[in-house]
Amino acid sequence: SSLDPHEIIFSPDGSKYFLTCQKTNEVRVMKTSNDSLLSVISVGVFPQEMAVSQSLPYLIVTCTEDNQTFPGKTGSVAIINYNTLSIIKTLYLGHQSHGVVVDEINKRVYISNRNVTTGGPAPHHSSLCTGKNGYITAIDLQSLLIIPAFKAEVSVDPYGLGISF
């Protein structure tokens, strides 16, 4: 309870697993064979969801309530090299980034931005549901740059994402 873990995900080879810890703003890396602590990686405020790339050594972590990394904005996405256990890049992709999925075929990472608290962008369309619409943004998996032309508005509070082929 002192860490308040939110999600667990395994590395592609299964040798380690990662835990997002909401209270301590960190990702803990554990060795699968004996559950020993390998590393503690500090990330933005309130880390939540994670996704792992199979083609590149990336663990992508959304930090939904991060208001410190990018002052005046809420949310961040940390990209961690899961081999070296170090942060490669931190990006602002939208208000309250939460869900994350890696699209290996199109070499993209998609992020759902909840946009449920004040400070987020006004939606372009109305919804039958109460609240502001959220939206999806994307990162180019190879360059780790935001894809500026991609922003899809979705209904209220898009919590997660999934891809099927």
C-alpha atoms as a PDB file:
ATOM      1  CA  SER A   1       0.000   0.000   0.000  1.00  0.00           C
ATOM      2  CA  SER A   2       2.957   2.363   0.426  1.00  0.00           C
ATOM      3  CA  LEU A   3       3.661   2.123  -3.329  1.00  0.00           C
ATOM      4  CA  ASP A   4       0.073   1.753  -4.592  1.00  0.00           C
ATOM      5  CA  PRO A   5       0.957  -0.363  -7.647  1.00  0.00           C
ATOM      6  CA  HIS A   6      -1.356   0.113 -10.624  1.00  0.00           C
ATOM      7  CA  GLU A   7      -0.188  -2.194 -13.405  1.00  0.00           C
ATOM      8  CA  ILE A   8       2.262  -5.003 -14.056  1.00  0.00           C
ATOM      9  CA  ILE A   9       3.780  -5.998 -17.408  1.00  0.00           C
ATOM     10  CA  PHE A  10       6.527  -8.444 -18.398  1.00  0.00           C
ATOM     11  CA  SER A  11       9.528  -7.844 -20.650  1.00  0.00           C
ATOM     12  CA  PRO A  12       9.323  -9.670 -23.999  1.00  0.00           C
ATOM     13  CA  ASP A  13      11.825 -12.320 -22.856  1.00  0.00           C
ATOM     14  CA  GLY A  14      10.018 -12.806 -19.533  1.00  0.00           C
ATOM     15  CA  SER A  15      13.168 -12.193 -17.468  1.00  0.00           C
ATOM     16  CA  LYS A  16      11.779  -9.159 -15.656  1.00  0.00           C
ATOM     17  CA  TYR A  17       8.520  -7.425 -14.899  1.00  0.00           C
ATOM     18  CA  PHE A  18       7.629  -3.799 -14.345  1.00  0.00           C
ATOM     19  CA  LEU A  19       5.248  -2.222 -11.830  1.00  0.00           C
ATOM     20  CA  THR A  20       3.844   1.307 -12.002  1.00  0.00           C
ATOM     21  CA  CYS A  21       3.739   2.754  -8.476  1.00  0.00           C
ATOM     22  CA  GLN A  22       1.243   5.611  -8.178  1.00  0.00           C
ATOM     23  CA  LYS A  23       2.194   6.882  -4.711  1.00  0.00           C
ATOM     24  CA  THR A  24       5.941   7.056  -5.348  1.00  0.00           C
ATOM     25  CA  ASN A  25       5.917   8.109  -9.036  1.00  0.00           C
ATOM     26  CA  GLU A  26       8.177   5.323 -10.135  1.00  0.00           C
ATOM     27  CA  VAL A  27       8.434   2.145 -12.132  1.00  0.00           C
ATOM     28  CA  ARG A  28       9.893  -0.756 -10.199  1.00  0.00           C
ATOM     29  CA  VAL A  29      11.742  -3.414 -12.149  1.00  0.00           C
ATOM     30  CA  MET A  30      11.721  -6.915 -10.709  1.00  0.00           C
ATOM     31  CA  LYS A  31      13.599 -10.079 -11.667  1.00  0.00           C
ATOM     32  CA  THR A  32      11.071 -12.769 -12.583  1.00  0.00           C
ATOM     33  CA  SER A  33      13.051 -15.755 -11.293  1.00  0.00           C
ATOM     34  CA  ASN A  34      13.177 -14.598  -7.666  1.00  0.00           C
ATOM     35  CA  ASP A  35      11.099 -11.372  -7.445  1.00  0.00           C
ATOM     36  CA  SER A  36      14.168  -9.355  -6.464  1.00  0.00           C
ATOM     37  CA  LEU A  37      14.264  -5.616  -7.110  1.00  0.00           C
ATOM     38  CA  LEU A  38      16.523  -4.757 -10.067  1.00  0.00           C
ATOM     39  CA  SER A  39      15.882  -1.033 -10.372  1.00  0.00           C
ATOM     40  CA  VAL A  40      13.667   1.876  -9.390  1.00  0.00           C
ATOM     41  CA  ILE A  41      13.019   4.346 -12.217  1.00  0.00           C
ATOM     42  CA  SER A  42      11.550   7.756 -11.341  1.00  0.00           C
ATOM     43  CA  VAL A  43       8.878   8.918 -13.792  1.00  0.00           C
ATOM     44  CA  GLY A  44       6.185  11.611 -13.837  1.00  0.00           C
ATOM     45  CA  VAL A  45       3.354  11.979 -11.345  1.00  0.00           C
ATOM     46  CA  PHE A  46       0.863   9.105 -11.043  1.00  0.00           C
ATOM     47  CA  PRO A  47       2.233   6.475 -13.453  1.00  0.00           C
ATOM     48  CA  GLN A  48      -0.522   4.245 -14.758  1.00  0.00           C
ATOM     49  CA  GLU A  49      -0.507   2.121 -17.902  1.00  0.00           C
ATOM     50  CA  MET A  50       2.377   0.505 -19.773  1.00  0.00           C
ATOM     51  CA  ALA A  51       3.068  -1.083 -23.137  1.00  0.00           C
ATOM     52  CA  VAL A  52       6.137  -2.916 -24.405  1.00  0.00           C
ATOM     53  CA  SER A  53       7.544  -2.881 -27.919  1.00  0.00           C
ATOM     54  CA  GLN A  54       8.578  -6.258 -29.299  1.00  0.00           C
ATOM     55  CA  SER A  55      10.807  -4.782 -32.028  1.00  0.00           C
ATOM     56  CA  LEU A  56      12.640  -2.112 -30.021  1.00  0.00           C
ATOM     57  CA  PRO A  57      13.666  -2.187 -26.346  1.00  0.00           C
ATOM     58  CA  TYR A  58      10.983   0.287 -25.252  1.00  0.00           C
ATOM     59  CA  LEU A  59       8.658   0.327 -22.285  1.00  0.00           C
ATOM     60  CA  ILE A  60       6.144   3.165 -22.625  1.00  0.00           C
ATOM     61  CA  VAL A  61       4.597   4.479 -19.401  1.00  0.00           C
ATOM     62  CA  THR A  62       1.755   6.991 -19.092  1.00  0.00           C
ATOM     63  CA  CYS A  63       1.776   9.370 -16.127  1.00  0.00           C
ATOM     64  CA  THR A  64      -1.790  10.626 -16.032  1.00  0.00           C
ATOM     65  CA  GLU A  65      -1.602  13.393 -13.420  1.00  0.00           C
ATOM     66  CA  ASP A  66       1.939  14.630 -14.089  1.00  0.00           C
ATOM     67  CA  ASN A  67       1.865  18.409 -13.683  1.00  0.00           C
ATOM     68  CA  GLN A  68       5.584  18.812 -12.970  1.00  0.00           C
ATOM     69  CA  THR A  69       7.451  17.553 -16.046  1.00  0.00           C
ATOM     70  CA  PHE A  70       5.695  19.983 -18.396  1.00  0.00           C
ATOM     71  CA  PRO A  71       4.571  22.970 -16.243  1.00  0.00           C
ATOM     72  CA  GLY A  72       1.073  24.168 -17.082  1.00  0.00           C
ATOM     73  CA  LYS A  73       0.147  20.791 -18.587  1.00  0.00           C
ATOM     74  CA  THR A  74      -1.228  17.605 -17.056  1.00  0.00           C
ATOM     75  CA  GLY A  75       0.131  14.254 -18.207  1.00  0.00           C
ATOM     76  CA  SER A  76       3.331  12.832 -19.613  1.00  0.00           C
ATOM     77  CA  VAL A  77       4.639   9.709 -21.298  1.00  0.00           C
ATOM     78  CA  ALA A  78       7.990   8.199 -20.286  1.00  0.00           C
ATOM     79  CA  ILE A  79       9.859   5.976 -22.720  1.00  0.00           C
ATOM     80  CA  ILE A  80      12.245   3.598 -20.969  1.00  0.00           C
ATOM     81  CA  ASN A  81      14.860   1.322 -22.508  1.00  0.00           C
ATOM     82  CA  TYR A  82      13.969  -1.982 -20.843  1.00  0.00           C
ATOM     83  CA  ASN A  83      17.489  -3.366 -21.404  1.00  0.00           C
ATOM     84  CA  THR A  84      19.426  -0.498 -19.818  1.00  0.00           C
ATOM     85  CA  LEU A  85      16.576   0.444 -17.437  1.00  0.00           C
ATOM     86  CA  SER A  86      16.971   4.133 -18.230  1.00  0.00           C
ATOM     87  CA  ILE A  87      14.587   6.803 -19.481  1.00  0.00           C
ATOM     88  CA  ILE A  88      15.208   7.645 -23.130  1.00  0.00           C
ATOM     89  CA  LYS A  89      12.622  10.377 -23.544  1.00  0.00           C
ATOM     90  CA  THR A  90       9.646  12.030 -21.870  1.00  0.00           C
ATOM     91  CA  LEU A  91       6.876  13.544 -23.989  1.00  0.00           C
ATOM     92  CA  TYR A  92       3.684  15.516 -23.533  1.00  0.00           C
ATOM     93  CA  LEU A  93       1.059  13.920 -25.781  1.00  0.00           C
ATOM     94  CA  GLY A  94      -2.130  15.303 -24.340  1.00  0.00           C
ATOM     95  CA  HIS A  95      -4.211  16.080 -21.274  1.00  0.00           C
ATOM     96  CA  GLN A  96      -4.167  13.157 -18.841  1.00  0.00           C
ATOM     97  CA  SER A  97      -2.468  10.522 -20.991  1.00  0.00           C
ATOM     98  CA  HIS A  98      -3.614   7.116 -19.828  1.00  0.00           C
ATOM     99  CA  GLY A  99      -4.095   4.162 -22.186  1.00  0.00           C
ATOM    100  CA  VAL A 100      -1.175   3.035 -24.347  1.00  0.00           C
ATOM    101  CA  VAL A 101      -0.714   0.436 -27.064  1.00  0.00           C
ATOM    102  CA  VAL A 102       2.152  -0.352 -29.442  1.00  0.00           C
ATOM    103  CA  ASP A 103       1.329  -0.965 -33.101  1.00  0.00           C
ATOM    104  CA  GLU A 104       4.329  -2.955 -34.346  1.00  0.00           C
ATOM    105  CA  ILE A 105       2.987  -3.227 -37.907  1.00  0.00           C
ATOM    106  CA  ASN A 106       2.671   0.532 -38.469  1.00  0.00           C
ATOM    107  CA  LYS A 107       5.512   1.382 -36.051  1.00  0.00           C
ATOM    108  CA  ARG A 108       3.384   3.650 -33.874  1.00  0.00           C
ATOM    109  CA  VAL A 109       2.439   4.062 -30.251  1.00  0.00           C
ATOM    110  CA  TYR A 110      -1.108   5.251 -29.565  1.00  0.00           C
ATOM    111  CA  ILE A 111      -2.031   7.091 -26.379  1.00  0.00           C
ATOM    112  CA  SER A 112      -5.539   7.756 -25.067  1.00  0.00           C
ATOM    113  CA  ASN A 113      -5.871  11.118 -23.332  1.00  0.00           C
ATOM    114  CA  ARG A 114      -8.692  11.106 -20.789  1.00  0.00           C
ATOM    115  CA  ASN A 115      -9.261  14.891 -20.686  1.00  0.00           C
ATOM    116  CA  VAL A 116     -11.635  14.627 -17.702  1.00  0.00           C
ATOM    117  CA  THR A 117     -10.305  17.395 -15.443  1.00  0.00           C
ATOM    118  CA  THR A 118     -10.101  21.128 -15.955  1.00  0.00           C
ATOM    119  CA  GLY A 119      -7.299  22.481 -18.099  1.00  0.00           C
ATOM    120  CA  GLY A 120      -7.721  20.126 -21.023  1.00  0.00           C
ATOM    121  CA  PRO A 121      -8.703  21.171 -24.520  1.00  0.00           C
ATOM    122  CA  ALA A 122     -12.315  21.844 -25.399  1.00  0.00           C
ATOM    123  CA  PRO A 123     -13.744  19.103 -27.625  1.00  0.00           C
ATOM    124  CA  HIS A 124     -14.657  19.794 -31.228  1.00  0.00           C
ATOM    125  CA  HIS A 125     -17.782  17.623 -31.037  1.00  0.00           C
ATOM    126  CA  SER A 126     -20.414  17.089 -28.390  1.00  0.00           C
ATOM    127  CA  SER A 127     -21.202  13.729 -26.844  1.00  0.00           C
ATOM    128  CA  LEU A 128     -24.364  12.212 -25.418  1.00  0.00           C
ATOM    129  CA  CYS A 129     -22.284  11.340 -22.348  1.00  0.00           C
ATOM    130  CA  THR A 130     -21.616  13.854 -19.594  1.00  0.00           C
ATOM    131  CA  GLY A 131     -18.128  15.371 -19.711  1.00  0.00           C
ATOM    132  CA  LYS A 132     -15.557  16.405 -22.291  1.00  0.00           C
ATOM    133  CA  ASN A 133     -14.494  14.140 -25.096  1.00  0.00           C
ATOM    134  CA  GLY A 134     -11.033  12.646 -24.913  1.00  0.00           C
ATOM    135  CA  TYR A 135      -8.675  12.023 -27.793  1.00  0.00           C
ATOM    136  CA  ILE A 136      -5.988   9.725 -29.154  1.00  0.00           C
ATOM    137  CA  THR A 137      -2.480  10.867 -30.093  1.00  0.00           C
ATOM    138  CA  ALA A 138       0.400   8.934 -31.624  1.00  0.00           C
ATOM    139  CA  ILE A 139       4.193   8.606 -31.541  1.00  0.00           C
ATOM    140  CA  ASP A 140       6.396   7.313 -34.327  1.00  0.00           C
ATOM    141  CA  LEU A 141       7.978   4.229 -32.738  1.00  0.00           C
ATOM    142  CA  GLN A 142      11.287   4.585 -34.579  1.00  0.00           C
ATOM    143  CA  SER A 143      11.950   8.331 -34.159  1.00  0.00           C
ATOM    144  CA  LEU A 144      10.023   8.687 -30.868  1.00  0.00           C
ATOM    145  CA  LEU A 145       8.524  11.909 -32.212  1.00  0.00           C
ATOM    146  CA  ILE A 146       4.897  12.931 -31.919  1.00  0.00           C
ATOM    147  CA  ILE A 147       2.970  12.429 -35.151  1.00  0.00           C
ATOM    148  CA  PRO A 148       1.555  15.974 -35.463  1.00  0.00           C
ATOM    149  CA  ALA A 149      -1.135  15.226 -38.051  1.00  0.00           C
ATOM    150  CA  PHE A 150      -2.663  12.457 -35.906  1.00  0.00           C
ATOM    151  CA  LYS A 151      -5.273  13.418 -33.322  1.00  0.00           C
ATOM    152  CA  ALA A 152      -8.534  11.511 -33.136  1.00  0.00           C
ATOM    153  CA  GLU A 153     -11.286  12.789 -30.877  1.00  0.00           C
ATOM    154  CA  VAL A 154     -13.211  10.043 -29.095  1.00  0.00           C
ATOM    155  CA  SER A 155     -16.049   9.934 -26.587  1.00  0.00           C
ATOM    156  CA  VAL A 156     -15.795  10.882 -22.929  1.00  0.00           C
ATOM    157  CA  ASP A 157     -12.981   9.416 -20.813  1.00  0.00           C
ATOM    158  CA  PRO A 158     -11.090   7.020 -23.133  1.00  0.00           C
ATOM    159  CA  TYR A 159      -9.451   4.884 -20.456  1.00  0.00           C
ATOM    160  CA  GLY A 160      -7.585   2.367 -22.587  1.00  0.00           C
ATOM    161  CA  LEU A 161      -6.774   1.185 -26.089  1.00  0.00           C
ATOM    162  CA  GLY A 162      -6.492  -2.039 -28.018  1.00  0.00           C
ATOM    163  CA  ILE A 163      -5.411  -3.073 -31.494  1.00  0.00           C
ATOM    164  CA  SER A 164      -6.424  -6.151 -33.429  1.00  0.00           C
ATOM    165  CA  PHE A 165      -5.179  -7.324 -36.805  1.00  0.00           C
END
